Amino acid sequence: MIELPVCDPCDLCEGMAGREARWAIIEEGEHTLTVINPWQFEVGQCCVITRRHVATLLDLSTAECGSILVAARRVAHALVETYRPLGILTFQNNGVYSGQETPHYHHHVVPRQPGSDWGIGPPQLATFDGAGRIRGTPHDPAGDALRRERVQASAQQLVETAQRIRSNLPDR
């Protein structure tokens, strides 16, 4: 059984309900919402989240699976136009042992730039390691505030970044 993180209320559901302004919207779909990640481990880092509250890849419907990849591809195209990155990293975590922090499915789309110094894996895991995370252990949220403080963008920065990416979305 996959061990899930505990987060009540769900911060992604709260964001979709408009109760958390930090999730600046890039694009809305029937099954998905594409947002700028409030923690900019890499400038332009986005998340495609499911509108329905489901925890992992294993819980998605077939329609949601397709919608997620279409949305991820669309925002990846926009990120290439916006930032001219060296590459695009996509990833998502299932369970606390994979680094999942919120029990709501979300798929990261990250432009990789010259000077990225966190290796080839997900940026938050490198940041965990730099903060003393012991490999093979579940996430301990005790140091999250300090870790996130280093990469937290202002609400205005997030809105501006989302607008810039949105302006480069390909035509449907």
C-alpha atoms as a PDB file:
ATOM      1  CA  MET A   1       0.000   0.000   0.000  1.00  0.00           C
ATOM      2  CA  ILE A   2       1.347   3.424  -0.921  1.00  0.00           C
ATOM      3  CA  GLU A   3       1.727   5.657   2.123  1.00  0.00           C
ATOM      4  CA  LEU A   4       0.204   9.058   1.425  1.00  0.00           C
ATOM      5  CA  PRO A   5       1.080  12.383   2.979  1.00  0.00           C
ATOM      6  CA  VAL A   6      -1.485  14.009   5.239  1.00  0.00           C
ATOM      7  CA  CYS A   7      -2.688  17.477   4.323  1.00  0.00           C
ATOM      8  CA  ASP A   8      -6.092  18.540   5.595  1.00  0.00           C
ATOM      9  CA  PRO A   9      -7.496  20.573   4.037  1.00  0.00           C
ATOM     10  CA  CYS A  10      -5.871  19.742   0.704  1.00  0.00           C
ATOM     11  CA  ASP A  11      -3.888  22.782  -0.432  1.00  0.00           C
ATOM     12  CA  LEU A  12      -4.592  22.049  -4.105  1.00  0.00           C
ATOM     13  CA  CYS A  13      -8.349  21.780  -3.531  1.00  0.00           C
ATOM     14  CA  GLU A  14      -8.188  24.997  -1.496  1.00  0.00           C
ATOM     15  CA  GLY A  15      -6.330  26.692  -4.360  1.00  0.00           C
ATOM     16  CA  MET A  16      -8.892  25.565  -6.924  1.00  0.00           C
ATOM     17  CA  ALA A  17     -11.641  26.882  -4.675  1.00  0.00           C
ATOM     18  CA  GLY A  18      -9.915  30.282  -4.705  1.00  0.00           C
ATOM     19  CA  ARG A  19      -8.992  30.173  -1.032  1.00  0.00           C
ATOM     20  CA  GLU A  20      -5.250  30.168  -1.772  1.00  0.00           C
ATOM     21  CA  ALA A  21      -4.256  32.940  -4.174  1.00  0.00           C
ATOM     22  CA  ARG A  22      -0.708  31.630  -4.590  1.00  0.00           C
ATOM     23  CA  TRP A  23      -1.804  29.172  -7.311  1.00  0.00           C
ATOM     24  CA  ALA A  24      -1.794  31.490 -10.360  1.00  0.00           C
ATOM     25  CA  ILE A  25      -3.730  29.805 -13.170  1.00  0.00           C
ATOM     26  CA  ILE A  26      -2.147  29.338 -16.587  1.00  0.00           C
ATOM     27  CA  GLU A  27      -4.884  27.264 -18.229  1.00  0.00           C
ATOM     28  CA  GLU A  28      -8.108  25.460 -17.318  1.00  0.00           C
ATOM     29  CA  GLY A  29      -9.404  22.230 -18.809  1.00  0.00           C
ATOM     30  CA  GLU A  30     -12.326  19.911 -18.144  1.00  0.00           C
ATOM     31  CA  HIS A  31     -10.231  17.576 -15.970  1.00  0.00           C
ATOM     32  CA  THR A  32      -7.179  19.712 -15.218  1.00  0.00           C
ATOM     33  CA  LEU A  33      -5.922  23.049 -14.039  1.00  0.00           C
ATOM     34  CA  THR A  34      -2.423  24.175 -15.039  1.00  0.00           C
ATOM     35  CA  VAL A  35      -0.849  26.503 -12.497  1.00  0.00           C
ATOM     36  CA  ILE A  36       2.466  28.147 -11.769  1.00  0.00           C
ATOM     37  CA  ASN A  37       4.111  26.362  -8.861  1.00  0.00           C
ATOM     38  CA  PRO A  38       4.267  28.789  -5.916  1.00  0.00           C
ATOM     39  CA  TRP A  39       7.661  27.314  -5.086  1.00  0.00           C
ATOM     40  CA  GLN A  40       9.886  28.227  -7.997  1.00  0.00           C
ATOM     41  CA  PHE A  41      12.684  25.685  -7.638  1.00  0.00           C
ATOM     42  CA  GLU A  42      13.245  26.601 -11.281  1.00  0.00           C
ATOM     43  CA  VAL A  43      11.810  29.780 -12.826  1.00  0.00           C
ATOM     44  CA  GLY A  44       8.648  28.860 -14.699  1.00  0.00           C
ATOM     45  CA  GLN A  45       8.016  25.578 -12.870  1.00  0.00           C
ATOM     46  CA  CYS A  46       4.372  24.601 -13.424  1.00  0.00           C
ATOM     47  CA  CYS A  47       1.988  21.914 -12.205  1.00  0.00           C
ATOM     48  CA  VAL A  48      -0.920  20.253 -13.968  1.00  0.00           C
ATOM     49  CA  ILE A  49      -3.384  19.242 -11.271  1.00  0.00           C
ATOM     50  CA  THR A  50      -6.574  17.229 -11.445  1.00  0.00           C
ATOM     51  CA  ARG A  51      -9.819  19.018 -10.734  1.00  0.00           C
ATOM     52  CA  ARG A  52     -11.067  15.898  -8.985  1.00  0.00           C
ATOM     53  CA  HIS A  53      -9.380  15.140  -5.676  1.00  0.00           C
ATOM     54  CA  VAL A  54      -7.408  11.955  -6.289  1.00  0.00           C
ATOM     55  CA  ALA A  55      -4.135  11.109  -4.592  1.00  0.00           C
ATOM     56  CA  THR A  56      -2.000   9.208  -7.100  1.00  0.00           C
ATOM     57  CA  LEU A  57      -1.554   8.075 -10.678  1.00  0.00           C
ATOM     58  CA  LEU A  58      -3.264   4.824  -9.699  1.00  0.00           C
ATOM     59  CA  ASP A  59      -6.479   6.716  -8.876  1.00  0.00           C
ATOM     60  CA  LEU A  60      -6.869   8.561 -12.202  1.00  0.00           C
ATOM     61  CA  SER A  61      -9.547   7.843 -14.759  1.00  0.00           C
ATOM     62  CA  THR A  62      -8.539   7.194 -18.364  1.00  0.00           C
ATOM     63  CA  ALA A  63      -9.929  10.614 -19.368  1.00  0.00           C
ATOM     64  CA  GLU A  64      -7.897  12.330 -16.645  1.00  0.00           C
ATOM     65  CA  CYS A  65      -4.711  10.547 -17.764  1.00  0.00           C
ATOM     66  CA  GLY A  66      -5.114  11.820 -21.310  1.00  0.00           C
ATOM     67  CA  SER A  67      -6.023  15.332 -20.218  1.00  0.00           C
ATOM     68  CA  ILE A  68      -2.988  15.566 -17.946  1.00  0.00           C
ATOM     69  CA  LEU A  69      -0.524  14.712 -20.701  1.00  0.00           C
ATOM     70  CA  VAL A  70      -2.178  17.041 -23.196  1.00  0.00           C
ATOM     71  CA  ALA A  71      -2.026  19.891 -20.655  1.00  0.00           C
ATOM     72  CA  ALA A  72       1.592  19.051 -19.757  1.00  0.00           C
ATOM     73  CA  ARG A  73       2.570  19.085 -23.436  1.00  0.00           C
ATOM     74  CA  ARG A  74       0.817  22.424 -24.002  1.00  0.00           C
ATOM     75  CA  VAL A  75       2.557  24.115 -21.079  1.00  0.00           C
ATOM     76  CA  ALA A  76       5.894  22.534 -22.085  1.00  0.00           C
ATOM     77  CA  HIS A  77       5.543  24.181 -25.519  1.00  0.00           C
ATOM     78  CA  ALA A  78       4.777  27.497 -23.802  1.00  0.00           C
ATOM     79  CA  LEU A  79       7.786  27.124 -21.489  1.00  0.00           C
ATOM     80  CA  VAL A  80      10.082  26.529 -24.481  1.00  0.00           C
ATOM     81  CA  GLU A  81       8.742  29.696 -26.134  1.00  0.00           C
ATOM     82  CA  THR A  82       8.921  31.708 -22.914  1.00  0.00           C
ATOM     83  CA  TYR A  83      12.290  30.649 -21.483  1.00  0.00           C
ATOM     84  CA  ARG A  84      14.245  28.839 -24.229  1.00  0.00           C
ATOM     85  CA  PRO A  85      15.350  26.189 -21.687  1.00  0.00           C
ATOM     86  CA  LEU A  86      18.000  23.527 -22.222  1.00  0.00           C
ATOM     87  CA  GLY A  87      15.373  20.881 -21.482  1.00  0.00           C
ATOM     88  CA  ILE A  88      11.977  20.190 -19.943  1.00  0.00           C
ATOM     89  CA  LEU A  89      11.687  17.895 -16.925  1.00  0.00           C
ATOM     90  CA  THR A  90       8.299  16.316 -16.166  1.00  0.00           C
ATOM     91  CA  PHE A  91       7.625  14.250 -13.078  1.00  0.00           C
ATOM     92  CA  GLN A  92       5.077  13.352 -10.435  1.00  0.00           C
ATOM     93  CA  ASN A  93       5.322  11.562  -7.122  1.00  0.00           C
ATOM     94  CA  ASN A  94       3.174   8.772  -5.688  1.00  0.00           C
ATOM     95  CA  GLY A  95       3.457   8.404  -1.927  1.00  0.00           C
ATOM     96  CA  VAL A  96       5.650   9.884   0.769  1.00  0.00           C
ATOM     97  CA  TYR A  97       8.601   7.641  -0.124  1.00  0.00           C
ATOM     98  CA  SER A  98       8.666   9.210  -3.592  1.00  0.00           C
ATOM     99  CA  GLY A  99       8.603  12.760  -2.226  1.00  0.00           C
ATOM    100  CA  GLN A 100       4.851  13.412  -2.562  1.00  0.00           C
ATOM    101  CA  GLU A 101       3.888  16.198  -0.162  1.00  0.00           C
ATOM    102  CA  THR A 102       0.220  16.739  -1.025  1.00  0.00           C
ATOM    103  CA  PRO A 103      -2.240  13.839  -1.401  1.00  0.00           C
ATOM    104  CA  HIS A 104      -3.670  15.307  -4.631  1.00  0.00           C
ATOM    105  CA  TYR A 105      -2.396  14.274  -8.067  1.00  0.00           C
ATOM    106  CA  HIS A 106      -0.163  16.899  -9.682  1.00  0.00           C
ATOM    107  CA  HIS A 107       2.261  16.612 -12.584  1.00  0.00           C
ATOM    108  CA  HIS A 108       5.278  18.947 -12.605  1.00  0.00           C
ATOM    109  CA  VAL A 109       6.552  20.561 -15.816  1.00  0.00           C
ATOM    110  CA  VAL A 110       9.905  22.255 -15.246  1.00  0.00           C
ATOM    111  CA  PRO A 111      12.084  24.230 -17.662  1.00  0.00           C
ATOM    112  CA  ARG A 112      15.766  23.416 -17.025  1.00  0.00           C
ATOM    113  CA  GLN A 113      18.107  26.368 -17.436  1.00  0.00           C
ATOM    114  CA  PRO A 114      21.851  26.881 -17.586  1.00  0.00           C
ATOM    115  CA  GLY A 115      23.061  27.064 -13.999  1.00  0.00           C
ATOM    116  CA  SER A 116      20.522  24.589 -12.617  1.00  0.00           C
ATOM    117  CA  ASP A 117      22.575  22.886  -9.962  1.00  0.00           C
ATOM    118  CA  TRP A 118      20.243  20.261  -8.576  1.00  0.00           C
ATOM    119  CA  GLY A 119      21.152  17.304 -10.783  1.00  0.00           C
ATOM    120  CA  ILE A 120      18.859  15.362 -13.065  1.00  0.00           C
ATOM    121  CA  GLY A 121      16.029  14.557 -10.650  1.00  0.00           C
ATOM    122  CA  PRO A 122      13.118  16.531  -9.278  1.00  0.00           C
ATOM    123  CA  PRO A 123      14.269  19.842  -7.799  1.00  0.00           C
ATOM    124  CA  GLN A 124      12.548  19.483  -4.463  1.00  0.00           C
ATOM    125  CA  LEU A 125      14.361  16.210  -3.773  1.00  0.00           C
ATOM    126  CA  ALA A 126      17.741  17.865  -4.337  1.00  0.00           C
ATOM    127  CA  THR A 127      16.644  20.629  -1.995  1.00  0.00           C
ATOM    128  CA  PHE A 128      15.613  17.995   0.553  1.00  0.00           C
ATOM    129  CA  ASP A 129      19.063  16.416   0.273  1.00  0.00           C
ATOM    130  CA  GLY A 130      20.740  19.787   0.743  1.00  0.00           C
ATOM    131  CA  ALA A 131      18.635  20.292   3.858  1.00  0.00           C
ATOM    132  CA  GLY A 132      19.835  17.019   5.395  1.00  0.00           C
ATOM    133  CA  ARG A 133      17.152  14.551   4.255  1.00  0.00           C
ATOM    134  CA  ILE A 134      18.247  10.970   4.802  1.00  0.00           C
ATOM    135  CA  ARG A 135      17.701   8.856   1.676  1.00  0.00           C
ATOM    136  CA  GLY A 136      15.142   6.068   2.001  1.00  0.00           C
ATOM    137  CA  THR A 137      13.122   7.791   4.694  1.00  0.00           C
ATOM    138  CA  PRO A 138       9.689   9.357   4.359  1.00  0.00           C
ATOM    139  CA  HIS A 139       9.469  13.095   4.115  1.00  0.00           C
ATOM    140  CA  ASP A 140       9.667  14.868   7.467  1.00  0.00           C
ATOM    141  CA  PRO A 141       7.891  18.223   7.083  1.00  0.00           C
ATOM    142  CA  ALA A 142       9.754  19.789  10.025  1.00  0.00           C
ATOM    143  CA  GLY A 143      12.130  21.727   7.746  1.00  0.00           C
ATOM    144  CA  ASP A 144       9.642  22.592   5.010  1.00  0.00           C
ATOM    145  CA  ALA A 145       9.173  26.224   5.999  1.00  0.00           C
ATOM    146  CA  LEU A 146      12.875  27.008   5.599  1.00  0.00           C
ATOM    147  CA  ARG A 147      13.184  24.973   2.399  1.00  0.00           C
ATOM    148  CA  ARG A 148      10.178  26.672   0.807  1.00  0.00           C
ATOM    149  CA  GLU A 149      11.222  30.125   1.975  1.00  0.00           C
ATOM    150  CA  ARG A 150      14.294  29.862  -0.269  1.00  0.00           C
ATOM    151  CA  VAL A 151      12.172  29.344  -3.380  1.00  0.00           C
ATOM    152  CA  GLN A 152       8.910  31.157  -2.560  1.00  0.00           C
ATOM    153  CA  ALA A 153       7.940  33.712  -5.186  1.00  0.00           C
ATOM    154  CA  SER A 154       5.719  36.671  -4.375  1.00  0.00           C
ATOM    155  CA  ALA A 155       2.067  36.602  -5.439  1.00  0.00           C
ATOM    156  CA  GLN A 156       2.812  39.350  -7.973  1.00  0.00           C
ATOM    157  CA  GLN A 157       5.763  37.391  -9.426  1.00  0.00           C
ATOM    158  CA  LEU A 158       3.574  34.301  -9.758  1.00  0.00           C
ATOM    159  CA  VAL A 159       0.805  36.201 -11.545  1.00  0.00           C
ATOM    160  CA  GLU A 160       3.297  37.819 -13.931  1.00  0.00           C
ATOM    161  CA  THR A 161       5.023  34.496 -14.623  1.00  0.00           C
ATOM    162  CA  ALA A 162       1.682  32.768 -15.276  1.00  0.00           C
ATOM    163  CA  GLN A 163       0.628  35.553 -17.679  1.00  0.00           C
ATOM    164  CA  ARG A 164       3.913  35.320 -19.551  1.00  0.00           C
ATOM    165  CA  ILE A 165       3.634  31.540 -19.947  1.00  0.00           C
ATOM    166  CA  ARG A 166      -0.085  31.774 -20.835  1.00  0.00           C
ATOM    167  CA  SER A 167       0.713  34.209 -23.651  1.00  0.00           C
ATOM    168  CA  ASN A 168       2.879  31.517 -25.260  1.00  0.00           C
ATOM    169  CA  LEU A 169       0.433  28.601 -25.085  1.00  0.00           C
ATOM    170  CA  PRO A 170       0.002  27.030 -28.518  1.00  0.00           C
ATOM    171  CA  ASP A 171      -3.319  27.408 -30.308  1.00  0.00           C
ATOM    172  CA  ARG A 172      -5.648  24.501 -29.663  1.00  0.00           C
END
